[in-house]
Amino acid sequence: MAARIGVAALFAAALGIEREWRRQSAGFRTHILVSVGACLFTVVGAYAFNTPGESASGVLRVDISRVASQVVVGIGFLGGGAILKSGLNVRGLTTAANLWLAAAVGMSVGVGYYFAAFITVVVALLALTGLRPIERRLFGKAAADDDVRSVPRRREGPGE
């Protein structure tokens, strides 16, 4: 179990360092905590309650999807706190998505899917860093400013 928690921390550290370099509110430590917590919840949900003799057949059936769904809901709440609206700008979307991803990586490591977690981290880092120059070129500097999105004004119709 210690190895799984260590791998989850290592993978999340890579995601968190990128956020730290961009000076985002949820950085290195936050991503590690999210991933390690998700990993531990997953390990506990999968293995801690699997004791024989607790059901009529002698085997307790564990539904790990229940733990996974609660981790996703909890991270959604945490990610929602990372999203801020200021005037017509919304900040924190990429950071919130990255926290969600860190939890998914932790859960994947928790059930032993190390390779899937590794590939996910590589793809995420490529998206976070490698796509930045392409985004700048296609959409201009404003679109490449991390975590800032403009919200279109709502048009008011007659009688509003």
C-alpha atoms as a PDB file:
ATOM      1  CA  MET A   1       0.000   0.000   0.000  1.00  0.00           C
ATOM      2  CA  ALA A   2       2.869   2.390   0.755  1.00  0.00           C
ATOM      3  CA  ALA A   3       4.176   1.953  -2.780  1.00  0.00           C
ATOM      4  CA  ARG A   4       0.797   2.895  -4.244  1.00  0.00           C
ATOM      5  CA  ILE A   5       0.571   6.020  -2.117  1.00  0.00           C
ATOM      6  CA  GLY A   6       4.142   6.923  -3.078  1.00  0.00           C
ATOM      7  CA  VAL A   7       3.451   6.495  -6.786  1.00  0.00           C
ATOM      8  CA  ALA A   8       0.252   8.548  -6.494  1.00  0.00           C
ATOM      9  CA  ALA A   9       2.240  11.316  -4.782  1.00  0.00           C
ATOM     10  CA  LEU A  10       4.957  11.213  -7.439  1.00  0.00           C
ATOM     11  CA  PHE A  11       2.518  11.402 -10.345  1.00  0.00           C
ATOM     12  CA  ALA A  12       0.522  14.203  -8.707  1.00  0.00           C
ATOM     13  CA  ALA A  13       3.731  16.103  -7.966  1.00  0.00           C
ATOM     14  CA  ALA A  14       4.369  16.310 -11.710  1.00  0.00           C
ATOM     15  CA  LEU A  15       0.900  17.780 -12.258  1.00  0.00           C
ATOM     16  CA  GLY A  16       1.239  20.129  -9.286  1.00  0.00           C
ATOM     17  CA  ILE A  17       4.637  21.455 -10.331  1.00  0.00           C
ATOM     18  CA  GLU A  18       3.164  22.637 -13.616  1.00  0.00           C
ATOM     19  CA  ARG A  19       0.418  24.514 -11.754  1.00  0.00           C
ATOM     20  CA  GLU A  20       3.002  25.941  -9.351  1.00  0.00           C
ATOM     21  CA  TRP A  21       5.075  27.272 -12.267  1.00  0.00           C
ATOM     22  CA  ARG A  22       1.956  29.036 -13.537  1.00  0.00           C
ATOM     23  CA  ARG A  23       1.433  30.520 -10.045  1.00  0.00           C
ATOM     24  CA  GLN A  24      -1.996  28.965  -9.601  1.00  0.00           C
ATOM     25  CA  SER A  25      -3.625  28.736  -6.188  1.00  0.00           C
ATOM     26  CA  ALA A  26      -3.753  24.928  -6.151  1.00  0.00           C
ATOM     27  CA  GLY A  27      -0.202  23.811  -6.815  1.00  0.00           C
ATOM     28  CA  PHE A  28       2.346  21.223  -5.823  1.00  0.00           C
ATOM     29  CA  ARG A  29       1.162  20.284  -2.319  1.00  0.00           C
ATOM     30  CA  THR A  30      -2.555  20.476  -3.120  1.00  0.00           C
ATOM     31  CA  HIS A  31      -2.244  18.091  -6.052  1.00  0.00           C
ATOM     32  CA  ILE A  32      -0.234  15.627  -3.990  1.00  0.00           C
ATOM     33  CA  LEU A  33      -2.807  15.722  -1.188  1.00  0.00           C
ATOM     34  CA  VAL A  34      -5.712  15.196  -3.601  1.00  0.00           C
ATOM     35  CA  SER A  35      -4.048  12.272  -5.346  1.00  0.00           C
ATOM     36  CA  VAL A  36      -2.806  10.572  -2.169  1.00  0.00           C
ATOM     37  CA  GLY A  37      -6.217  10.997  -0.542  1.00  0.00           C
ATOM     38  CA  ALA A  38      -7.999   9.561  -3.582  1.00  0.00           C
ATOM     39  CA  CYS A  39      -5.520   6.678  -3.661  1.00  0.00           C
ATOM     40  CA  LEU A  40      -6.075   5.870  -0.003  1.00  0.00           C
ATOM     41  CA  PHE A  41      -9.873   6.066  -0.302  1.00  0.00           C
ATOM     42  CA  THR A  42      -9.675   3.692  -3.259  1.00  0.00           C
ATOM     43  CA  VAL A  43      -7.357   1.220  -1.519  1.00  0.00           C
ATOM     44  CA  VAL A  44      -9.472   1.251   1.630  1.00  0.00           C
ATOM     45  CA  GLY A  45     -12.679   0.860  -0.390  1.00  0.00           C
ATOM     46  CA  ALA A  46     -11.249  -2.037  -2.365  1.00  0.00           C
ATOM     47  CA  TYR A  47      -9.403  -3.981   0.300  1.00  0.00           C
ATOM     48  CA  ALA A  48     -10.175  -2.937   3.864  1.00  0.00           C
ATOM     49  CA  PHE A  49     -13.691  -4.365   3.990  1.00  0.00           C
ATOM     50  CA  ASN A  50     -12.963  -7.585   2.131  1.00  0.00           C
ATOM     51  CA  THR A  51     -13.098  -9.934   5.099  1.00  0.00           C
ATOM     52  CA  PRO A  52     -14.588 -13.428   4.732  1.00  0.00           C
ATOM     53  CA  GLY A  53     -17.496 -14.559   6.848  1.00  0.00           C
ATOM     54  CA  GLU A  54     -19.517 -11.357   6.703  1.00  0.00           C
ATOM     55  CA  SER A  55     -22.084 -12.591   4.205  1.00  0.00           C
ATOM     56  CA  ALA A  56     -24.162 -15.727   3.841  1.00  0.00           C
ATOM     57  CA  SER A  57     -21.720 -17.129   1.267  1.00  0.00           C
ATOM     58  CA  GLY A  58     -18.669 -16.239   3.371  1.00  0.00           C
ATOM     59  CA  VAL A  59     -17.479 -13.621   0.881  1.00  0.00           C
ATOM     60  CA  LEU A  60     -18.259  -9.950   1.107  1.00  0.00           C
ATOM     61  CA  ARG A  61     -18.812  -8.362  -2.260  1.00  0.00           C
ATOM     62  CA  VAL A  62     -17.240  -4.925  -2.440  1.00  0.00           C
ATOM     63  CA  ASP A  63     -18.590  -2.277  -4.789  1.00  0.00           C
ATOM     64  CA  ILE A  64     -15.596  -0.009  -5.283  1.00  0.00           C
ATOM     65  CA  SER A  65     -17.597   2.201  -7.642  1.00  0.00           C
ATOM     66  CA  ARG A  66     -19.379   3.620  -4.595  1.00  0.00           C
ATOM     67  CA  VAL A  67     -16.090   4.872  -3.173  1.00  0.00           C
ATOM     68  CA  ALA A  68     -15.002   6.145  -6.585  1.00  0.00           C
ATOM     69  CA  SER A  69     -18.222   8.087  -7.087  1.00  0.00           C
ATOM     70  CA  GLN A  70     -17.860   9.778  -3.711  1.00  0.00           C
ATOM     71  CA  VAL A  71     -14.255  10.752  -4.467  1.00  0.00           C
ATOM     72  CA  VAL A  72     -15.401  12.303  -7.752  1.00  0.00           C
ATOM     73  CA  VAL A  73     -18.163  14.252  -5.978  1.00  0.00           C
ATOM     74  CA  GLY A  74     -15.773  15.472  -3.299  1.00  0.00           C
ATOM     75  CA  ILE A  75     -13.206  16.595  -5.851  1.00  0.00           C
ATOM     76  CA  GLY A  76     -15.951  18.346  -7.798  1.00  0.00           C
ATOM     77  CA  PHE A  77     -16.719  20.345  -4.683  1.00  0.00           C
ATOM     78  CA  LEU A  78     -13.041  21.148  -4.161  1.00  0.00           C
ATOM     79  CA  GLY A  79     -12.608  22.062  -7.831  1.00  0.00           C
ATOM     80  CA  GLY A  80     -15.655  24.305  -7.661  1.00  0.00           C
ATOM     81  CA  GLY A  81     -13.879  26.257  -4.962  1.00  0.00           C
ATOM     82  CA  ALA A  82     -10.917  26.792  -7.288  1.00  0.00           C
ATOM     83  CA  ILE A  83     -13.100  28.465  -9.934  1.00  0.00           C
ATOM     84  CA  LEU A  84     -13.559  32.189  -9.443  1.00  0.00           C
ATOM     85  CA  LYS A  85     -15.626  34.677 -11.431  1.00  0.00           C
ATOM     86  CA  SER A  86     -14.453  38.261 -11.576  1.00  0.00           C
ATOM     87  CA  GLY A  87     -16.506  40.503 -13.835  1.00  0.00           C
ATOM     88  CA  LEU A  88     -16.570  38.861 -17.241  1.00  0.00           C
ATOM     89  CA  ASN A  89     -13.601  36.608 -16.508  1.00  0.00           C
ATOM     90  CA  VAL A  90     -13.597  33.132 -15.018  1.00  0.00           C
ATOM     91  CA  ARG A  91     -10.372  31.884 -13.418  1.00  0.00           C
ATOM     92  CA  GLY A  92      -9.414  28.449 -12.183  1.00  0.00           C
ATOM     93  CA  LEU A  93     -10.997  26.147 -14.764  1.00  0.00           C
ATOM     94  CA  THR A  94      -7.729  24.499 -15.741  1.00  0.00           C
ATOM     95  CA  THR A  95      -6.656  24.184 -12.117  1.00  0.00           C
ATOM     96  CA  ALA A  96     -10.014  22.628 -11.178  1.00  0.00           C
ATOM     97  CA  ALA A  97      -9.725  20.172 -14.081  1.00  0.00           C
ATOM     98  CA  ASN A  98      -6.178  19.342 -13.024  1.00  0.00           C
ATOM     99  CA  LEU A  99      -7.315  18.636  -9.443  1.00  0.00           C
ATOM    100  CA  TRP A 100     -10.005  16.343 -10.834  1.00  0.00           C
ATOM    101  CA  LEU A 101      -7.340  14.616 -12.911  1.00  0.00           C
ATOM    102  CA  ALA A 102      -5.033  14.253  -9.883  1.00  0.00           C
ATOM    103  CA  ALA A 103      -7.838  12.454  -8.063  1.00  0.00           C
ATOM    104  CA  ALA A 104      -8.382  10.151 -11.041  1.00  0.00           C
ATOM    105  CA  VAL A 105      -4.659   9.382 -11.128  1.00  0.00           C
ATOM    106  CA  GLY A 106      -4.703   8.600  -7.405  1.00  0.00           C
ATOM    107  CA  MET A 107      -7.693   6.299  -7.821  1.00  0.00           C
ATOM    108  CA  SER A 108      -6.046   4.553 -10.773  1.00  0.00           C
ATOM    109  CA  VAL A 109      -2.866   3.943  -8.780  1.00  0.00           C
ATOM    110  CA  GLY A 110      -4.988   2.828  -5.822  1.00  0.00           C
ATOM    111  CA  VAL A 111      -6.378  -0.092  -7.809  1.00  0.00           C
ATOM    112  CA  GLY A 112      -2.996  -0.893  -9.347  1.00  0.00           C
ATOM    113  CA  TYR A 113      -3.390   0.662 -12.803  1.00  0.00           C
ATOM    114  CA  TYR A 114       0.042   2.300 -12.734  1.00  0.00           C
ATOM    115  CA  PHE A 115       0.542   2.389 -16.494  1.00  0.00           C
ATOM    116  CA  ALA A 116      -2.832   4.045 -17.129  1.00  0.00           C
ATOM    117  CA  ALA A 117      -2.045   6.638 -14.477  1.00  0.00           C
ATOM    118  CA  PHE A 118       1.399   7.285 -15.971  1.00  0.00           C
ATOM    119  CA  ILE A 119       0.041   7.727 -19.503  1.00  0.00           C
ATOM    120  CA  THR A 120      -2.671  10.052 -18.152  1.00  0.00           C
ATOM    121  CA  VAL A 121      -0.064  12.228 -16.437  1.00  0.00           C
ATOM    122  CA  VAL A 122       2.056  12.368 -19.610  1.00  0.00           C
ATOM    123  CA  VAL A 123      -0.932  13.350 -21.754  1.00  0.00           C
ATOM    124  CA  ALA A 124      -2.036  15.955 -19.204  1.00  0.00           C
ATOM    125  CA  LEU A 125       1.424  17.514 -19.021  1.00  0.00           C
ATOM    126  CA  LEU A 126       1.606  17.633 -22.806  1.00  0.00           C
ATOM    127  CA  ALA A 127      -1.788  19.363 -22.877  1.00  0.00           C
ATOM    128  CA  LEU A 128      -0.829  21.813 -20.129  1.00  0.00           C
ATOM    129  CA  THR A 129       2.577  22.743 -21.507  1.00  0.00           C
ATOM    130  CA  GLY A 130       2.898  21.548 -25.098  1.00  0.00           C
ATOM    131  CA  LEU A 131      -0.374  22.977 -26.351  1.00  0.00           C
ATOM    132  CA  ARG A 132       0.305  26.452 -24.941  1.00  0.00           C
ATOM    133  CA  PRO A 133       2.256  27.696 -28.030  1.00  0.00           C
ATOM    134  CA  ILE A 134      -0.402  26.295 -30.352  1.00  0.00           C
ATOM    135  CA  GLU A 135      -3.157  27.944 -28.295  1.00  0.00           C
ATOM    136  CA  ARG A 136      -1.292  31.271 -28.444  1.00  0.00           C
ATOM    137  CA  ARG A 137      -0.851  31.030 -32.188  1.00  0.00           C
ATOM    138  CA  LEU A 138      -4.458  30.032 -32.915  1.00  0.00           C
ATOM    139  CA  PHE A 139      -6.315  32.148 -30.382  1.00  0.00           C
ATOM    140  CA  GLY A 140      -3.961  34.975 -29.446  1.00  0.00           C
ATOM    141  CA  LYS A 141      -2.233  35.840 -26.190  1.00  0.00           C
ATOM    142  CA  ALA A 142      -5.431  36.409 -24.196  1.00  0.00           C
ATOM    143  CA  ALA A 143      -6.604  32.836 -24.816  1.00  0.00           C
ATOM    144  CA  ALA A 144      -3.261  31.465 -23.677  1.00  0.00           C
ATOM    145  CA  ASP A 145      -3.389  33.279 -20.333  1.00  0.00           C
ATOM    146  CA  ASP A 146      -3.916  30.289 -18.119  1.00  0.00           C
ATOM    147  CA  ASP A 147      -7.236  29.809 -16.374  1.00  0.00           C
ATOM    148  CA  VAL A 148      -8.864  32.996 -17.672  1.00  0.00           C
ATOM    149  CA  ARG A 149     -11.965  32.710 -19.808  1.00  0.00           C
ATOM    150  CA  SER A 150     -14.295  35.504 -20.789  1.00  0.00           C
ATOM    151  CA  VAL A 151     -17.968  35.027 -20.126  1.00  0.00           C
ATOM    152  CA  PRO A 152     -20.220  36.433 -22.847  1.00  0.00           C
ATOM    153  CA  ARG A 153     -22.690  39.023 -21.684  1.00  0.00           C
ATOM    154  CA  ARG A 154     -26.286  37.933 -21.549  1.00  0.00           C
ATOM    155  CA  ARG A 155     -28.399  39.773 -24.049  1.00  0.00           C
ATOM    156  CA  GLU A 156     -31.476  41.271 -22.616  1.00  0.00           C
ATOM    157  CA  GLY A 157     -34.567  40.978 -24.729  1.00  0.00           C
ATOM    158  CA  PRO A 158     -37.716  43.070 -24.705  1.00  0.00           C
ATOM    159  CA  GLY A 159     -39.400  43.231 -21.319  1.00  0.00           C
ATOM    160  CA  GLU A 160     -36.318  42.161 -19.334  1.00  0.00           C
END
